[in-house]
């Protein structure tokens, strides 16, 4: 008989989660810890990371905080080094931290905003994966989870630059899956629609904006961070051991619906 608890048990594993001080990243960190993983909670602000760590510990989990700006390669390396020195391994890497400094058409995107978006959302993930995956391969495998977006799958008149970066993340996961599959390292993306986080606050806080945003959502609501965390637990666990190079779209049905006509 299949033991469902064993399928999702992360005991004895170590997970690193970027952008983990709030929103989706925090929910993922807490969920992985509740499944038994030792979790490194990382974001730019150490005090906010420590708050998450305290909550995890109060819930019986194990975690540590480490401040890191994903735009700086030396800080990413320090994050990896800290984790390996403390716990000796990284079994799950969650690349969640991202930015969106520009809202508008591609024709008007400033060069600095474009560079910041692509560097933070794509290049930093390439850096971090290249730092982490070799030790996964050497130890017999691991799971890379990149939090992308439905913006990678649809066009937008105002989120085109962000969408480009998130589409690149999807391609990154596919290529990592091909390059490292023989070493049992898996790489997958989670592509959420609007989730109730600070990152998307402008899209859900105003009632009129909210109603417009969910117009074509069959579930008629936006998502909650925990609904993304569950997908991350699946991708980190044995339950997804034959899944790699894929994109999990978690969007309330928005990308398959044109609404009532």
Protein backbone atom coordinates (compact mmCIF):
# COMPACT_ATOMS: atom_id res chain seq x y z
CA UNK A 1 0.00 0.00 0.00
CA UNK A 2 1.30 3.47 -0.90
CA UNK A 3 2.02 5.66 2.11
CA UNK A 4 0.93 9.19 1.21
CA UNK A 5 2.79 10.63 4.18
CA UNK A 6 6.04 9.09 2.95
CA UNK A 7 5.51 10.56 -0.52
CA UNK A 8 5.52 14.07 0.91
CA UNK A 9 7.97 13.56 3.78
CA UNK A 10 11.00 15.88 3.53
CA UNK A 11 12.69 14.74 6.73
CA UNK A 12 16.47 14.75 6.43
CA UNK A 13 16.47 17.23 3.55
CA UNK A 14 17.59 20.86 3.31
CA UNK A 15 15.79 23.56 1.35
CA UNK A 16 16.88 27.06 0.38
CA UNK A 17 14.10 29.54 -0.43
CA UNK A 18 14.80 33.01 -1.81
CA UNK A 19 12.36 35.85 -1.31
CA UNK A 20 11.11 33.93 1.70
CA UNK A 21 10.33 36.74 4.13
CA UNK A 22 6.77 37.25 2.88
CA UNK A 23 4.10 36.16 0.43
CA UNK A 24 4.61 33.08 -1.70
CA UNK A 25 8.19 32.56 -0.52
CA UNK A 26 7.21 32.61 3.13
CA UNK A 27 4.35 30.18 2.54
CA UNK A 28 6.70 27.82 0.71
CA UNK A 29 9.33 28.01 3.45
CA UNK A 30 6.77 27.27 6.15
CA UNK A 31 5.22 24.43 4.16
CA UNK A 32 8.54 22.71 3.44
CA UNK A 33 9.54 23.05 7.09
CA UNK A 34 6.24 21.52 8.21
CA UNK A 35 7.03 18.53 5.97
CA UNK A 36 10.32 18.01 7.78
CA UNK A 37 12.87 19.97 5.75
CA UNK A 38 15.48 22.19 7.31
CA UNK A 39 14.87 25.53 5.64
CA UNK A 40 17.13 28.48 4.90
CA UNK A 41 14.91 31.55 4.81
CA UNK A 42 16.50 34.22 2.63
CA UNK A 43 15.65 37.73 1.48
CA UNK A 44 17.26 41.16 1.60
CA UNK A 45 16.06 42.01 5.11
CA UNK A 46 17.47 39.80 7.85
CA UNK A 47 14.97 40.90 10.50
CA UNK A 48 12.05 39.86 8.31
CA UNK A 49 13.69 36.50 7.64
CA UNK A 50 14.20 35.98 11.34
CA UNK A 51 10.48 36.54 11.95
CA UNK A 52 9.70 33.69 9.57
CA UNK A 53 12.32 31.48 11.22
CA UNK A 54 10.80 32.17 14.63
CA UNK A 55 7.36 31.15 13.40
CA UNK A 56 8.76 27.97 11.86
CA UNK A 57 10.56 27.07 15.08
CA UNK A 58 7.46 27.81 17.14
CA UNK A 59 5.65 25.32 14.93
CA UNK A 60 8.24 22.63 15.61
CA UNK A 61 10.27 23.09 12.43
CA UNK A 62 13.93 23.87 11.87
CA UNK A 63 15.13 26.94 9.99
CA UNK A 64 17.80 29.59 9.77
CA UNK A 65 17.83 33.09 8.32
CA UNK A 66 20.32 34.53 5.86
CA UNK A 67 20.17 37.96 4.24
CA UNK A 68 20.89 38.00 0.51
CA UNK A 69 20.28 40.37 -2.39
CA UNK A 70 19.84 38.13 -5.44
CA UNK A 71 21.30 40.82 -7.68
CA UNK A 72 24.75 40.31 -6.16
CA UNK A 73 26.62 37.16 -7.16
CA UNK A 74 28.87 37.23 -4.10
CA UNK A 75 25.84 37.33 -1.80
CA UNK A 76 24.29 34.34 -3.54
CA UNK A 77 27.52 32.43 -3.14
CA UNK A 78 27.60 33.38 0.53
CA UNK A 79 24.05 32.02 0.89
CA UNK A 80 25.06 28.70 -0.63
CA UNK A 81 28.28 28.52 1.41
CA UNK A 82 26.41 29.28 4.62
CA UNK A 83 23.90 26.53 3.96
CA UNK A 84 26.54 23.93 3.11
CA UNK A 85 28.62 24.86 6.14
CA UNK A 86 25.61 24.67 8.46
CA UNK A 87 23.80 21.62 7.12
CA UNK A 88 26.16 20.04 4.56
CA UNK A 89 23.72 19.77 1.68
CA UNK A 90 20.99 21.42 -0.38
CA UNK A 91 18.27 19.09 -1.61
CA UNK A 92 15.68 21.65 -2.71
CA UNK A 93 16.32 25.07 -4.20
CA UNK A 94 13.37 27.43 -4.56
CA UNK A 95 14.14 30.45 -6.75
CA UNK A 96 11.26 32.69 -5.75
CA UNK A 97 12.68 36.21 -5.38
CA UNK A 98 11.83 38.51 -8.29
CA UNK A 99 11.27 42.16 -9.17
CA UNK A 100 8.98 44.16 -11.44
CA UNK A 101 10.22 47.76 -11.53
CA UNK A 102 8.33 48.75 -14.69
CA UNK A 103 4.64 48.74 -15.60
CA UNK A 104 4.00 49.72 -19.20
CA UNK A 105 4.54 48.83 -22.86
CA UNK A 106 7.76 47.30 -24.16
CA UNK A 107 8.16 50.25 -26.51
CA UNK A 108 8.77 52.54 -23.56
CA UNK A 109 10.73 50.38 -21.11
CA UNK A 110 13.84 52.21 -19.84
CA UNK A 111 17.09 50.33 -20.30
CA UNK A 112 17.83 50.31 -16.57
CA UNK A 113 14.40 48.84 -15.75
CA UNK A 114 14.81 46.18 -18.43
CA UNK A 115 18.27 45.27 -17.16
CA UNK A 116 17.12 45.12 -13.55
CA UNK A 117 14.18 42.87 -14.44
CA UNK A 118 16.20 40.44 -16.52
CA UNK A 119 19.19 40.39 -14.18
CA UNK A 120 17.13 39.85 -11.03
CA UNK A 121 14.57 37.44 -12.45
CA UNK A 122 16.77 35.40 -14.79
CA UNK A 123 20.50 35.91 -14.37
CA UNK A 124 20.36 35.53 -10.60
CA UNK A 125 18.54 32.21 -11.01
CA UNK A 126 21.20 31.01 -13.47
CA UNK A 127 23.90 32.00 -11.00
CA UNK A 128 22.21 30.32 -8.04
CA UNK A 129 21.38 27.13 -9.92
CA UNK A 130 24.97 26.83 -11.14
CA UNK A 131 26.16 27.20 -7.55
CA UNK A 132 23.75 24.66 -6.07
CA UNK A 133 23.11 21.94 -8.65
CA UNK A 134 26.63 20.41 -8.82
CA UNK A 135 26.47 19.33 -5.17
CA UNK A 136 22.97 17.97 -5.75
CA UNK A 137 24.29 15.87 -8.63
CA UNK A 138 27.24 14.67 -6.58
CA UNK A 139 24.92 13.55 -3.78
CA UNK A 140 22.52 11.72 -6.08
CA UNK A 141 19.85 14.25 -6.96
CA UNK A 142 17.74 17.19 -5.95
CA UNK A 143 14.89 19.46 -6.95
CA UNK A 144 15.05 22.99 -8.37
CA UNK A 145 11.79 24.94 -8.24
CA UNK A 146 11.56 28.26 -10.08
CA UNK A 147 8.57 30.47 -9.33
CA UNK A 148 7.66 31.90 -12.72
CA UNK A 149 4.28 33.47 -13.62
CA UNK A 150 1.36 33.19 -16.01
CA UNK A 151 2.90 36.32 -17.51
CA UNK A 152 5.30 33.87 -19.19
CA UNK A 153 2.41 32.32 -21.09
CA UNK A 154 0.23 35.24 -22.16
CA UNK A 155 0.75 38.62 -23.74
CA UNK A 156 0.31 41.88 -21.84
CA UNK A 157 0.34 45.52 -22.81
CA UNK A 158 1.83 46.52 -19.45
CA UNK A 159 3.72 43.48 -18.11
CA UNK A 160 5.68 42.54 -21.22
CA UNK A 161 9.13 43.00 -19.71
CA UNK A 162 8.22 40.99 -16.63
CA UNK A 163 6.66 38.35 -18.88
CA UNK A 164 9.86 38.09 -20.92
CA UNK A 165 11.85 37.40 -17.77
CA UNK A 166 9.39 34.81 -16.55
CA UNK A 167 9.31 33.07 -19.94
CA UNK A 168 13.09 32.87 -19.72
CA UNK A 169 12.71 31.16 -16.34
CA UNK A 170 10.52 28.50 -17.96
CA UNK A 171 13.23 27.93 -20.57
CA UNK A 172 15.83 27.82 -17.81
CA UNK A 173 14.00 25.03 -16.00
CA UNK A 174 13.69 23.02 -19.21
CA UNK A 175 17.37 23.33 -20.00
CA UNK A 176 18.45 22.49 -16.46
CA UNK A 177 16.21 19.42 -16.62
CA UNK A 178 17.96 18.25 -19.79
CA UNK A 179 21.48 19.06 -18.63
CA UNK A 180 21.21 17.48 -15.19
CA UNK A 181 18.59 14.77 -15.58
CA UNK A 182 21.11 11.92 -15.72
CA UNK A 183 22.29 12.96 -12.26
CA UNK A 184 18.69 12.81 -10.96
CA UNK A 185 18.42 16.58 -10.58
CA UNK A 186 14.95 17.77 -11.50
CA UNK A 187 13.93 21.34 -12.42
CA UNK A 188 10.37 22.62 -12.71
CA UNK A 189 8.46 25.90 -12.71
CA UNK A 190 5.38 27.07 -10.86
CA UNK A 191 3.44 29.70 -12.80
CA UNK A 192 0.91 31.46 -10.55
CA UNK A 193 -1.68 34.01 -11.61
CA UNK A 194 -2.54 36.82 -9.19
CA UNK A 195 -1.84 35.77 -5.61
CA UNK A 196 -2.78 37.76 -2.52
CA UNK A 197 0.70 39.11 -1.74
CA UNK A 198 2.31 42.52 -1.31
CA UNK A 199 3.93 42.02 -4.72
CA UNK A 200 0.49 42.06 -6.37
CA UNK A 201 -1.24 44.37 -3.90
CA UNK A 202 -2.14 46.96 -6.57
CA UNK A 203 -4.12 44.29 -8.42
CA UNK A 204 -6.29 43.13 -5.52
CA UNK A 205 -6.52 45.86 -2.89
CA UNK A 206 -8.86 48.12 -4.87
CA UNK A 207 -12.32 46.51 -5.25
CA UNK A 208 -12.82 47.77 -8.80
CA UNK A 209 -9.38 46.58 -9.88
CA UNK A 210 -9.99 43.26 -8.17
CA UNK A 211 -13.30 42.65 -9.94
CA UNK A 212 -11.71 43.48 -13.27
CA UNK A 213 -8.76 41.19 -12.52
CA UNK A 214 -10.91 38.15 -11.72
CA UNK A 215 -13.45 38.68 -14.50
CA UNK A 216 -12.11 35.74 -16.52
CA UNK A 217 -11.15 33.56 -13.56
CA UNK A 218 -13.52 30.56 -13.48
CA UNK A 219 -12.99 30.30 -9.71
CA UNK A 220 -13.89 34.01 -9.40
CA UNK A 221 -11.14 34.79 -6.96
CA UNK A 222 -7.39 35.26 -6.81
CA UNK A 223 -5.10 32.72 -5.19
CA UNK A 224 -3.63 32.54 -1.71
CA UNK A 225 0.08 31.96 -0.99
CA UNK A 226 -0.58 28.57 0.62
CA UNK A 227 -2.06 27.35 -2.67
CA UNK A 228 1.33 27.84 -4.29
CA UNK A 229 3.15 26.33 -1.31
CA UNK A 230 1.34 23.04 -1.81
CA UNK A 231 2.68 22.81 -5.36
CA UNK A 232 6.20 23.51 -4.12
CA UNK A 233 5.89 20.70 -1.57
CA UNK A 234 4.84 18.35 -4.36
CA UNK A 235 7.82 19.35 -6.53
CA UNK A 236 10.25 19.00 -3.62
CA UNK A 237 8.98 15.57 -2.61
CA UNK A 238 9.09 11.99 -3.83
CA UNK A 239 5.58 12.49 -5.16
CA UNK A 240 7.03 14.32 -8.19
CA UNK A 241 10.10 12.13 -8.69
CA UNK A 242 9.27 11.48 -12.37
CA UNK A 243 8.47 15.11 -13.20
CA UNK A 244 11.06 17.47 -14.64
CA UNK A 245 11.26 20.35 -17.10
CA UNK A 246 7.58 21.13 -16.62
CA UNK A 247 5.45 24.14 -15.79
CA UNK A 248 2.68 23.93 -13.20
CA UNK A 249 0.12 26.62 -14.00
CA UNK A 250 -1.83 27.59 -10.87
CA UNK A 251 -4.14 30.34 -11.98
CA UNK A 252 -7.75 29.71 -11.00
CA UNK A 253 -8.35 28.72 -14.61
CA UNK A 254 -7.62 32.20 -15.93
CA UNK A 255 -5.39 31.17 -18.82
CA UNK A 256 -7.97 28.75 -20.24
CA UNK A 257 -10.98 31.05 -20.01
CA UNK A 258 -12.11 33.86 -22.25
CA UNK A 259 -15.03 34.55 -19.95
CA UNK A 260 -18.67 34.68 -21.01
CA UNK A 261 -19.28 35.78 -24.58
